[in-house]
Amino acid sequence: MSRRWALVALPLLAMLAFACKSPGRGPSGDPGEAPPPVKGYPSSMVALGDSLTAAYGSCLAPTSCPRNSWATGDGTQVDSHYRRILKANPAIGEHARNLARPGARVGDLPGQATAAVAQKADYVTILVGGNDACRGEMTSVASFRAEFDAALASIKKGMQNARVLVVSIPDIYRVWELGHTNKIAVGVWKSGICPNLLGNPTSTAAADVARRKAFKSRITAYNGQVRAACAEYGPRCRHDNVANFAFKFTMLSAIDFFHPNAAGQEALADQTYPSSFTW
């Protein structure tokens, strides 16, 4: 082909390729028209929190894996809140944001709430607190409540009509119960995962037993504040108590034997999905 014909043909081929792409169509068939919202379901959502909601380790890699998130995941392994809503209300399609970050503590929640308000949403999920108890000096119960309240205040001011689901911290102590007799898990935990719970996991020394009990007690206290904060928020907030959610060993990621794998994320989605969105 001569250079002249090549210069003419390439733009024509590009135009044909573009024309062959199927544009998004709404229910009426008009290109780009969004489907109408279905009454009784949110048409947008945002998830706030830490590594549990970021689905850390659920893709067999030491990193976040949002597609497997119990809240906003859009992958095929987890039937998340987003995917369940999508089946009933296609208007939520591509309108789910996950602002959760591994390592986040309750002190990071107000910032996440501010970011959520900037994006607007009909439905907000919040699950945070494990990191506040896991390492170093645990966040005081009073400080935990103050930060949680600050985040809820931002949401209430900026998204008055949003439905808010606050989820209790699952029974993380259960992870130690399941894994402290497993040599592989114990070896992995030596890297420093949640040391307030998992440090010296096989020890029965009084100090180690007391440390683990203090961890469990603090998580229980945080959960009490989560429940109370939601009650004070008003009717637009719903509390889902999964404090006794029992992880199975098969629900833990082989990356760290601490975070939920895809099966664990699926179980959290099952446990926390609202029976309706009428609140």
Protein backbone atom coordinates (compact mmCIF):
# COMPACT_ATOMS: atom_id res chain seq x y z
CA MET A 1 0.00 0.00 0.00
CA SER A 2 1.34 3.39 -0.93
CA ARG A 3 2.01 5.95 1.80
CA ARG A 4 -0.76 8.15 0.39
CA TRP A 5 -3.42 5.41 0.64
CA ALA A 6 -2.21 4.43 4.10
CA LEU A 7 -2.73 7.98 5.33
CA VAL A 8 -6.30 7.92 3.97
CA ALA A 9 -7.17 4.38 5.13
CA LEU A 10 -6.04 4.67 8.76
CA PRO A 11 -8.48 7.44 9.73
CA LEU A 12 -11.30 5.58 7.93
CA LEU A 13 -10.53 2.37 9.85
CA ALA A 14 -10.48 4.28 13.10
CA MET A 15 -13.89 5.80 12.30
CA LEU A 16 -15.31 2.36 11.49
CA ALA A 17 -13.95 0.90 14.71
CA PHE A 18 -15.52 3.71 16.70
CA ALA A 19 -18.84 3.24 14.93
CA CYS A 20 -18.86 -0.46 15.77
CA LYS A 21 -18.70 0.20 19.51
CA SER A 22 -22.07 -0.25 21.19
CA PRO A 23 -22.98 2.85 23.16
CA GLY A 24 -24.63 2.50 26.53
CA ARG A 25 -28.38 2.54 26.22
CA GLY A 26 -31.14 3.23 28.68
CA PRO A 27 -34.39 1.31 28.85
CA SER A 28 -35.87 3.39 26.03
CA GLY A 29 -32.95 2.55 23.76
CA ASP A 30 -31.51 6.05 23.66
CA PRO A 31 -27.71 6.00 23.78
CA GLY A 32 -26.32 7.01 27.15
CA GLU A 33 -29.68 7.27 28.90
CA ALA A 34 -29.42 6.10 32.49
CA PRO A 35 -32.01 3.62 33.76
CA PRO A 36 -34.64 5.19 36.01
CA PRO A 37 -34.23 4.65 39.76
CA VAL A 38 -36.41 2.02 41.40
CA LYS A 39 -38.34 3.30 44.40
CA GLY A 40 -37.29 1.75 47.69
CA TYR A 41 -33.64 1.21 46.70
CA PRO A 42 -30.61 3.52 46.76
CA SER A 43 -29.22 4.63 43.41
CA SER A 44 -25.74 5.46 44.72
CA MET A 45 -23.62 4.32 47.63
CA VAL A 46 -20.30 4.88 49.35
CA ALA A 47 -18.41 2.65 51.81
CA LEU A 48 -16.26 4.00 54.64
CA GLY A 49 -13.89 2.18 56.93
CA ASP A 50 -10.72 0.12 57.00
CA SER A 51 -9.18 -3.00 55.48
CA LEU A 52 -12.26 -5.14 56.14
CA THR A 53 -14.29 -3.03 53.72
CA ALA A 54 -11.34 -2.51 51.37
CA ALA A 55 -11.23 -6.34 51.15
CA TYR A 56 -7.50 -6.45 51.87
CA GLY A 57 -5.91 -9.77 50.98
CA SER A 58 -9.03 -11.24 49.39
CA CYS A 59 -7.39 -11.44 45.95
CA LEU A 60 -4.46 -13.53 47.26
CA ALA A 61 -2.19 -10.49 47.29
CA PRO A 62 -1.19 -8.19 50.19
CA THR A 63 -3.22 -5.25 48.96
CA SER A 64 -6.76 -3.91 48.81
CA CYS A 65 -9.14 -5.75 46.51
CA PRO A 66 -12.26 -3.54 46.25
CA ARG A 67 -13.95 -5.84 43.76
CA ASN A 68 -14.39 -8.35 46.61
CA SER A 69 -15.68 -5.88 49.18
CA TRP A 70 -18.76 -6.99 51.11
CA ALA A 71 -20.14 -3.47 50.59
CA THR A 72 -19.30 -2.16 47.11
CA GLY A 73 -17.64 -5.10 45.37
CA ASP A 74 -18.47 -5.52 41.69
CA GLY A 75 -16.63 -8.79 41.07
CA THR A 76 -18.14 -12.24 40.66
CA GLN A 77 -16.87 -13.87 43.86
CA VAL A 78 -18.83 -11.77 46.33
CA ASP A 79 -22.51 -10.93 46.12
CA SER A 80 -21.98 -7.55 47.74
CA HIS A 81 -24.56 -5.00 48.82
CA TYR A 82 -23.87 -3.16 45.57
CA ARG A 83 -24.47 -6.21 43.40
CA ARG A 84 -27.64 -7.13 45.28
CA ILE A 85 -29.02 -3.61 44.91
CA LEU A 86 -28.00 -3.55 41.24
CA LYS A 87 -30.22 -6.54 40.51
CA ALA A 88 -33.24 -4.66 41.84
CA ASN A 89 -32.22 -1.13 40.81
CA PRO A 90 -29.97 -0.85 37.74
CA ALA A 91 -29.74 2.90 38.35
CA ILE A 92 -27.02 2.25 40.92
CA GLY A 93 -24.76 0.85 38.19
CA GLU A 94 -21.27 2.39 38.41
CA HIS A 95 -22.43 4.61 41.28
CA ALA A 96 -20.66 2.85 44.14
CA ARG A 97 -17.49 4.24 45.73
CA ASN A 98 -15.23 2.57 48.25
CA LEU A 99 -13.32 5.07 50.40
CA ALA A 100 -12.18 2.50 52.98
CA ARG A 101 -8.42 2.23 53.47
CA PRO A 102 -6.26 -0.46 55.10
CA GLY A 103 -4.90 0.75 58.41
CA ALA A 104 -7.62 3.35 58.87
CA ARG A 105 -8.64 4.13 62.43
CA VAL A 106 -11.71 5.92 63.67
CA GLY A 107 -9.69 9.15 63.54
CA ASP A 108 -9.66 8.79 59.76
CA LEU A 109 -13.42 8.41 59.57
CA PRO A 110 -14.34 12.12 59.62
CA GLY A 111 -12.09 12.70 56.60
CA GLN A 112 -13.67 9.80 54.76
CA ALA A 113 -17.11 11.19 55.62
CA THR A 114 -16.15 14.58 54.21
CA ALA A 115 -15.02 12.90 50.98
CA ALA A 116 -18.29 10.96 50.84
CA VAL A 117 -20.33 14.15 51.22
CA ALA A 118 -18.43 15.68 48.31
CA GLN A 119 -19.53 12.77 46.11
CA LYS A 120 -23.09 12.49 47.48
CA ALA A 121 -24.78 9.12 47.96
CA ASP A 122 -28.13 7.59 48.84
CA TYR A 123 -26.58 4.86 50.99
CA VAL A 124 -23.52 4.90 53.25
CA THR A 125 -21.92 1.92 55.00
CA ILE A 126 -19.51 2.33 57.92
CA LEU A 127 -17.34 -0.36 59.51
CA VAL A 128 -14.28 0.76 61.46
CA GLY A 129 -12.48 0.17 64.76
CA GLY A 130 -10.33 -2.94 64.52
CA ASN A 131 -7.13 -0.95 64.01
CA ASP A 132 -7.92 1.22 67.03
CA ALA A 133 -7.50 -1.85 69.21
CA CYS A 134 -4.91 -3.82 67.24
CA ARG A 135 -1.64 -2.02 67.90
CA GLY A 136 0.01 0.38 70.29
CA GLU A 137 -2.07 2.21 72.85
CA MET A 138 -5.67 1.45 72.07
CA THR A 139 -7.91 4.41 71.21
CA SER A 140 -9.89 5.38 74.29
CA VAL A 141 -13.60 4.68 74.22
CA ALA A 142 -14.37 8.39 74.64
CA SER A 143 -12.12 9.38 71.72
CA PHE A 144 -13.58 6.62 69.58
CA ARG A 145 -17.09 7.95 70.18
CA ALA A 146 -16.08 11.56 69.53
CA GLU A 147 -14.52 10.74 66.16
CA PHE A 148 -17.42 8.50 65.17
CA ASP A 149 -19.90 11.23 66.08
CA ALA A 150 -17.93 13.78 64.06
CA ALA A 151 -18.13 11.58 60.98
CA LEU A 152 -21.85 11.02 61.39
CA ALA A 153 -22.41 14.74 61.89
CA SER A 154 -20.73 15.47 58.54
CA ILE A 155 -22.89 12.90 56.79
CA LYS A 156 -26.07 14.17 58.42
CA LYS A 157 -25.30 17.77 57.47
CA GLY A 158 -24.18 17.03 53.91
CA MET A 159 -26.46 14.13 52.98
CA GLN A 160 -29.59 14.49 55.10
CA ASN A 161 -31.59 11.91 53.16
CA ALA A 162 -28.89 9.26 52.91
CA ARG A 163 -29.52 5.90 54.54
CA VAL A 164 -26.61 5.10 56.86
CA LEU A 165 -25.71 1.55 57.87
CA VAL A 166 -23.23 1.28 60.72
CA VAL A 167 -21.84 -2.21 61.24
CA SER A 168 -20.38 -3.54 64.47
CA ILE A 169 -16.81 -4.77 64.45
CA PRO A 170 -16.93 -8.55 63.91
CA ASP A 171 -15.55 -10.93 66.53
CA ILE A 172 -11.86 -10.49 65.69
CA TYR A 173 -10.94 -12.39 68.85
CA ARG A 174 -12.33 -15.40 67.03
CA VAL A 175 -9.35 -15.17 64.63
CA TRP A 176 -6.96 -15.90 67.50
CA GLU A 177 -9.18 -18.73 68.75
CA LEU A 178 -9.12 -20.33 65.31
CA GLY A 179 -5.48 -19.82 64.43
CA HIS A 180 -3.32 -20.00 67.54
CA THR A 181 -2.99 -23.77 67.21
CA ASN A 182 -2.16 -23.60 63.50
CA LYS A 183 1.59 -23.48 62.90
CA ILE A 184 1.25 -21.73 59.54
CA ALA A 185 -0.97 -18.99 60.91
CA VAL A 186 1.27 -18.51 63.95
CA GLY A 187 4.28 -18.17 61.66
CA VAL A 188 2.55 -15.56 59.53
CA TRP A 189 1.42 -13.58 62.58
CA LYS A 190 5.05 -13.11 63.60
CA SER A 191 5.19 -10.36 60.97
CA GLY A 192 3.33 -8.16 63.45
CA ILE A 193 -0.32 -8.46 62.42
CA CYS A 194 -2.59 -7.02 65.13
CA PRO A 195 -0.01 -7.50 67.91
CA ASN A 196 -2.40 -6.58 70.73
CA LEU A 197 -4.33 -9.73 69.87
CA LEU A 198 -1.95 -11.95 67.94
CA GLY A 199 1.41 -11.26 69.58
CA ASN A 200 2.81 -14.40 71.27
CA PRO A 201 -0.31 -16.25 70.15
CA THR A 202 0.56 -19.59 71.78
CA SER A 203 1.55 -18.12 75.13
CA THR A 204 -0.56 -18.80 78.20
CA ALA A 205 1.40 -16.35 80.37
CA ALA A 206 -0.81 -14.11 82.49
CA ALA A 207 0.33 -10.95 80.73
CA ASP A 208 -0.47 -12.34 77.27
CA VAL A 209 -3.85 -13.66 78.34
CA ALA A 210 -4.67 -10.29 79.92
CA ARG A 211 -3.61 -8.44 76.76
CA ARG A 212 -5.90 -10.53 74.58
CA LYS A 213 -8.79 -10.10 77.00
CA ALA A 214 -8.22 -6.33 77.06
CA PHE A 215 -8.37 -6.32 73.27
CA LYS A 216 -11.66 -8.22 73.25
CA SER A 217 -13.10 -5.95 75.92
CA ARG A 218 -12.15 -2.80 74.01
CA ILE A 219 -13.77 -4.06 70.82
CA THR A 220 -16.94 -4.75 72.81
CA ALA A 221 -16.83 -1.20 74.17
CA TYR A 222 -16.36 0.28 70.70
CA ASN A 223 -19.34 -1.68 69.46
CA GLY A 224 -21.46 -0.26 72.23
CA GLN A 225 -20.54 3.24 71.09
CA VAL A 226 -21.27 2.41 67.46
CA ARG A 227 -24.76 1.28 68.42
CA ALA A 228 -25.38 4.33 70.61
CA ALA A 229 -24.08 6.77 67.99
CA CYS A 230 -26.43 5.34 65.39
CA ALA A 231 -29.37 5.58 67.77
CA GLU A 232 -28.60 9.27 68.38
CA TYR A 233 -28.26 9.92 64.66
CA GLY A 234 -31.94 9.26 64.17
CA PRO A 235 -34.20 7.20 61.90
CA ARG A 236 -31.91 7.47 58.88
CA CYS A 237 -29.29 5.32 60.62
CA ARG A 238 -29.51 1.57 61.02
CA HIS A 239 -27.20 -0.49 63.21
CA ASP A 240 -26.28 -4.02 62.20
CA ASN A 241 -24.93 -5.98 65.13
CA VAL A 242 -22.39 -8.49 63.83
CA ALA A 243 -20.30 -8.41 66.99
CA ASN A 244 -20.77 -12.17 67.38
CA PHE A 245 -20.14 -12.92 63.71
CA ALA A 246 -18.15 -16.16 63.85
CA PHE A 247 -15.38 -16.42 61.27
CA LYS A 248 -14.41 -19.89 60.16
CA PHE A 249 -10.79 -20.71 59.38
CA THR A 250 -11.76 -21.19 55.73
CA MET A 251 -12.97 -17.56 55.66
CA LEU A 252 -9.50 -16.14 56.42
CA SER A 253 -7.06 -14.99 53.78
CA ALA A 254 -4.02 -17.22 53.29
CA ILE A 255 -2.03 -13.99 52.98
CA ASP A 256 -2.21 -13.15 56.69
CA PHE A 257 -4.77 -15.47 58.33
CA PHE A 258 -6.44 -12.35 59.68
CA HIS A 259 -8.47 -10.61 57.01
CA PRO A 260 -11.49 -12.25 55.39
CA ASN A 261 -10.92 -13.95 52.06
CA ALA A 262 -13.59 -13.82 49.34
CA ALA A 263 -15.68 -16.39 51.23
CA GLY A 264 -15.41 -14.28 54.36
CA GLN A 265 -16.42 -11.16 52.46
CA GLU A 266 -19.41 -13.04 51.07
CA ALA A 267 -20.40 -14.07 54.58
CA LEU A 268 -20.16 -10.46 55.78
CA ALA A 269 -22.34 -9.34 52.88
CA ASP A 270 -24.94 -11.98 53.80
CA GLN A 271 -24.83 -11.00 57.46
CA THR A 272 -25.15 -7.26 56.90
CA TYR A 273 -27.38 -6.80 53.86
CA PRO A 274 -30.55 -4.97 54.94
CA SER A 275 -33.87 -6.75 54.58
CA SER A 276 -35.20 -3.52 53.10
CA PHE A 277 -34.18 0.08 52.48
CA THR A 278 -37.30 1.66 53.86
CA TRP A 279 -35.62 3.42 56.77
